[in-house]
Amino acid sequence: MRTAALYNETHQSRTAPPTAYESLLGDAIERAFAQDIHDLEGLVAYLNRSGPSGPNGQPWTAENYRTEIARLGA
């Protein structure tokens, strides 16, 4: 018996294309990881230096980063 090849579609849980904000944030996080920034404090500092701004244009904090990532992942 043959089984169907597994296929994982990128963003398969999305209901709409990413917004410009989501794309900018994702790109910034990827750049931080590429610079070996993997801790939350370092990531928040990187986002505050490079952007995009946090929710409502506020600076990033560990708390609002966690909240925003949870909201975007819901």
N, C-alpha and C. Protein backbone atom coordinates (compact mmCIF):
# COMPACT_ATOMS: atom_id res chain seq x y z
N MET A 1 0.84 -1.18 0.00
CA MET A 1 0.00 0.00 0.00
C MET A 1 0.88 1.25 0.00
N ARG A 2 0.60 2.17 -0.88
CA ARG A 2 1.35 3.42 -0.94
C ARG A 2 0.65 4.48 -0.11
N THR A 3 1.43 5.27 0.57
CA THR A 3 0.86 6.39 1.31
C THR A 3 1.15 7.67 0.55
N ALA A 4 0.27 8.60 0.66
CA ALA A 4 0.46 9.89 -0.01
C ALA A 4 1.64 10.62 0.63
N ALA A 5 2.38 11.30 -0.18
CA ALA A 5 3.50 12.09 0.33
C ALA A 5 2.95 13.21 1.23
N LEU A 6 3.65 13.42 2.32
CA LEU A 6 3.23 14.49 3.22
C LEU A 6 3.58 15.83 2.61
N TYR A 7 2.72 16.77 2.79
CA TYR A 7 2.94 18.10 2.23
C TYR A 7 2.57 19.14 3.27
N ASN A 8 3.48 20.03 3.54
CA ASN A 8 3.24 21.10 4.50
C ASN A 8 3.20 22.42 3.74
N GLU A 9 2.04 23.00 3.65
CA GLU A 9 1.89 24.27 2.96
C GLU A 9 2.28 25.39 3.91
N THR A 10 3.19 26.24 3.46
CA THR A 10 3.60 27.38 4.26
C THR A 10 2.39 28.23 4.60
N HIS A 11 2.30 28.64 5.84
CA HIS A 11 1.20 29.49 6.32
C HIS A 11 -0.15 28.81 6.15
N GLN A 12 -0.20 27.51 6.32
CA GLN A 12 -1.45 26.80 6.07
C GLN A 12 -2.57 27.18 7.03
N SER A 13 -2.23 27.82 8.15
CA SER A 13 -3.29 28.21 9.07
C SER A 13 -3.75 29.65 8.85
N ARG A 14 -3.15 30.34 7.91
CA ARG A 14 -3.55 31.74 7.64
C ARG A 14 -4.89 31.79 6.93
N THR A 15 -5.66 32.81 7.28
CA THR A 15 -6.92 33.04 6.58
C THR A 15 -6.81 34.17 5.58
N ALA A 16 -5.67 34.90 5.62
CA ALA A 16 -5.44 36.01 4.70
C ALA A 16 -3.93 36.19 4.54
N PRO A 17 -3.51 36.85 3.49
CA PRO A 17 -2.07 37.12 3.33
C PRO A 17 -1.57 37.97 4.49
N PRO A 18 -0.27 37.89 4.81
CA PRO A 18 0.25 38.72 5.89
C PRO A 18 0.14 40.21 5.55
N THR A 19 -0.09 41.01 6.58
CA THR A 19 -0.12 42.45 6.39
C THR A 19 1.30 42.96 6.21
N ALA A 20 1.43 44.20 5.80
CA ALA A 20 2.76 44.81 5.67
C ALA A 20 3.47 44.79 7.02
N TYR A 21 2.75 45.09 8.09
CA TYR A 21 3.31 45.08 9.44
C TYR A 21 3.83 43.69 9.80
N GLU A 22 3.04 42.65 9.52
CA GLU A 22 3.45 41.29 9.84
C GLU A 22 4.69 40.90 9.05
N SER A 23 4.75 41.30 7.79
CA SER A 23 5.93 41.01 6.97
C SER A 23 7.16 41.73 7.49
N LEU A 24 7.01 43.01 7.84
CA LEU A 24 8.14 43.76 8.38
C LEU A 24 8.64 43.16 9.69
N LEU A 25 7.71 42.80 10.56
CA LEU A 25 8.08 42.22 11.84
C LEU A 25 8.78 40.87 11.63
N GLY A 26 8.22 40.04 10.78
CA GLY A 26 8.85 38.75 10.50
C GLY A 26 10.24 38.89 9.92
N ASP A 27 10.41 39.83 8.99
CA ASP A 27 11.73 40.06 8.41
C ASP A 27 12.72 40.54 9.46
N ALA A 28 12.28 41.43 10.35
CA ALA A 28 13.16 41.94 11.40
C ALA A 28 13.57 40.82 12.36
N ILE A 29 12.64 39.96 12.71
CA ILE A 29 12.95 38.83 13.60
C ILE A 29 13.95 37.90 12.92
N GLU A 30 13.76 37.63 11.63
CA GLU A 30 14.70 36.78 10.90
C GLU A 30 16.10 37.40 10.88
N ARG A 31 16.20 38.71 10.68
CA ARG A 31 17.50 39.38 10.68
C ARG A 31 18.16 39.28 12.05
N ALA A 32 17.37 39.42 13.10
CA ALA A 32 17.92 39.29 14.46
C ALA A 32 18.46 37.89 14.67
N PHE A 33 17.70 36.87 14.29
CA PHE A 33 18.17 35.49 14.43
C PHE A 33 19.44 35.26 13.63
N ALA A 34 19.53 35.86 12.43
CA ALA A 34 20.72 35.72 11.59
C ALA A 34 21.95 36.33 12.26
N GLN A 35 21.72 37.28 13.16
CA GLN A 35 22.83 37.91 13.91
C GLN A 35 23.05 37.23 15.26
N ASP A 36 22.53 36.00 15.39
CA ASP A 36 22.67 35.20 16.62
C ASP A 36 22.02 35.84 17.83
N ILE A 37 20.99 36.60 17.61
CA ILE A 37 20.19 37.15 18.72
C ILE A 37 19.03 36.19 18.93
N HIS A 38 19.05 35.49 20.05
CA HIS A 38 18.04 34.47 20.29
C HIS A 38 17.32 34.64 21.62
N ASP A 39 17.78 35.55 22.46
CA ASP A 39 17.11 35.76 23.75
C ASP A 39 16.10 36.89 23.61
N LEU A 40 15.08 36.87 24.45
CA LEU A 40 13.99 37.84 24.34
C LEU A 40 14.48 39.27 24.53
N GLU A 41 15.33 39.48 25.52
CA GLU A 41 15.82 40.84 25.77
C GLU A 41 16.60 41.37 24.58
N GLY A 42 17.44 40.52 23.99
CA GLY A 42 18.21 40.93 22.82
C GLY A 42 17.32 41.21 21.63
N LEU A 43 16.29 40.38 21.45
CA LEU A 43 15.36 40.56 20.35
C LEU A 43 14.58 41.86 20.49
N VAL A 44 14.11 42.14 21.70
CA VAL A 44 13.38 43.38 21.95
C VAL A 44 14.28 44.59 21.68
N ALA A 45 15.52 44.53 22.14
CA ALA A 45 16.46 45.62 21.90
C ALA A 45 16.70 45.80 20.40
N TYR A 46 16.85 44.70 19.68
CA TYR A 46 17.06 44.77 18.24
C TYR A 46 15.87 45.42 17.54
N LEU A 47 14.66 44.99 17.90
CA LEU A 47 13.46 45.57 17.28
C LEU A 47 13.36 47.06 17.58
N ASN A 48 13.73 47.47 18.77
CA ASN A 48 13.69 48.90 19.10
C ASN A 48 14.71 49.70 18.31
N ARG A 49 15.82 49.07 17.92
CA ARG A 49 16.83 49.75 17.11
C ARG A 49 16.45 49.76 15.64
N SER A 50 15.91 48.63 15.15
CA SER A 50 15.74 48.48 13.71
C SER A 50 14.30 48.64 13.24
N GLY A 51 13.33 48.47 14.15
CA GLY A 51 11.93 48.54 13.77
C GLY A 51 11.45 47.21 13.27
N PRO A 52 10.19 47.07 13.00
CA PRO A 52 9.17 48.10 13.15
C PRO A 52 8.85 48.38 14.61
N SER A 53 8.17 49.49 14.83
CA SER A 53 7.75 49.85 16.18
C SER A 53 6.79 48.81 16.73
N GLY A 54 6.66 48.80 18.03
CA GLY A 54 5.72 47.89 18.68
C GLY A 54 4.29 48.31 18.44
N PRO A 55 3.36 47.57 19.04
CA PRO A 55 1.94 47.89 18.88
C PRO A 55 1.65 49.36 19.23
N ASN A 56 0.81 49.97 18.42
CA ASN A 56 0.41 51.37 18.60
C ASN A 56 1.60 52.33 18.56
N GLY A 57 2.67 51.93 17.88
CA GLY A 57 3.84 52.79 17.74
C GLY A 57 4.71 52.88 18.98
N GLN A 58 4.43 52.07 19.96
CA GLN A 58 5.17 52.10 21.22
C GLN A 58 6.48 51.31 21.08
N PRO A 59 7.46 51.61 21.94
CA PRO A 59 8.68 50.80 21.96
C PRO A 59 8.34 49.36 22.37
N TRP A 60 9.14 48.43 21.90
CA TRP A 60 8.96 47.03 22.27
C TRP A 60 9.41 46.80 23.70
N THR A 61 8.67 45.96 24.40
CA THR A 61 9.06 45.44 25.71
C THR A 61 8.87 43.93 25.65
N ALA A 62 9.44 43.23 26.60
CA ALA A 62 9.25 41.78 26.62
C ALA A 62 7.76 41.45 26.72
N GLU A 63 7.05 42.19 27.52
CA GLU A 63 5.62 41.92 27.72
C GLU A 63 4.81 42.16 26.45
N ASN A 64 4.99 43.34 25.81
CA ASN A 64 4.16 43.58 24.62
C ASN A 64 4.61 42.72 23.43
N TYR A 65 5.88 42.28 23.41
CA TYR A 65 6.31 41.35 22.37
C TYR A 65 5.56 40.01 22.53
N ARG A 66 5.55 39.49 23.75
CA ARG A 66 4.84 38.22 23.99
C ARG A 66 3.36 38.34 23.61
N THR A 67 2.75 39.44 24.01
CA THR A 67 1.33 39.65 23.72
C THR A 67 1.09 39.76 22.22
N GLU A 68 1.93 40.50 21.52
CA GLU A 68 1.75 40.69 20.08
C GLU A 68 1.98 39.40 19.32
N ILE A 69 3.00 38.65 19.67
CA ILE A 69 3.27 37.39 18.97
C ILE A 69 2.13 36.41 19.22
N ALA A 70 1.59 36.39 20.43
CA ALA A 70 0.44 35.52 20.72
C ALA A 70 -0.77 35.94 19.89
N ARG A 71 -0.98 37.26 19.76
CA ARG A 71 -2.11 37.75 18.98
C ARG A 71 -1.95 37.38 17.50
N LEU A 72 -0.75 37.56 16.99
CA LEU A 72 -0.50 37.26 15.57
C LEU A 72 -0.58 35.76 15.29
N GLY A 73 -0.27 34.95 16.28
CA GLY A 73 -0.29 33.51 16.09
C GLY A 73 -1.64 32.88 16.34
N ALA A 74 -2.61 33.68 16.79
CA ALA A 74 -3.94 33.12 17.12
C ALA A 74 -4.71 32.76 15.90
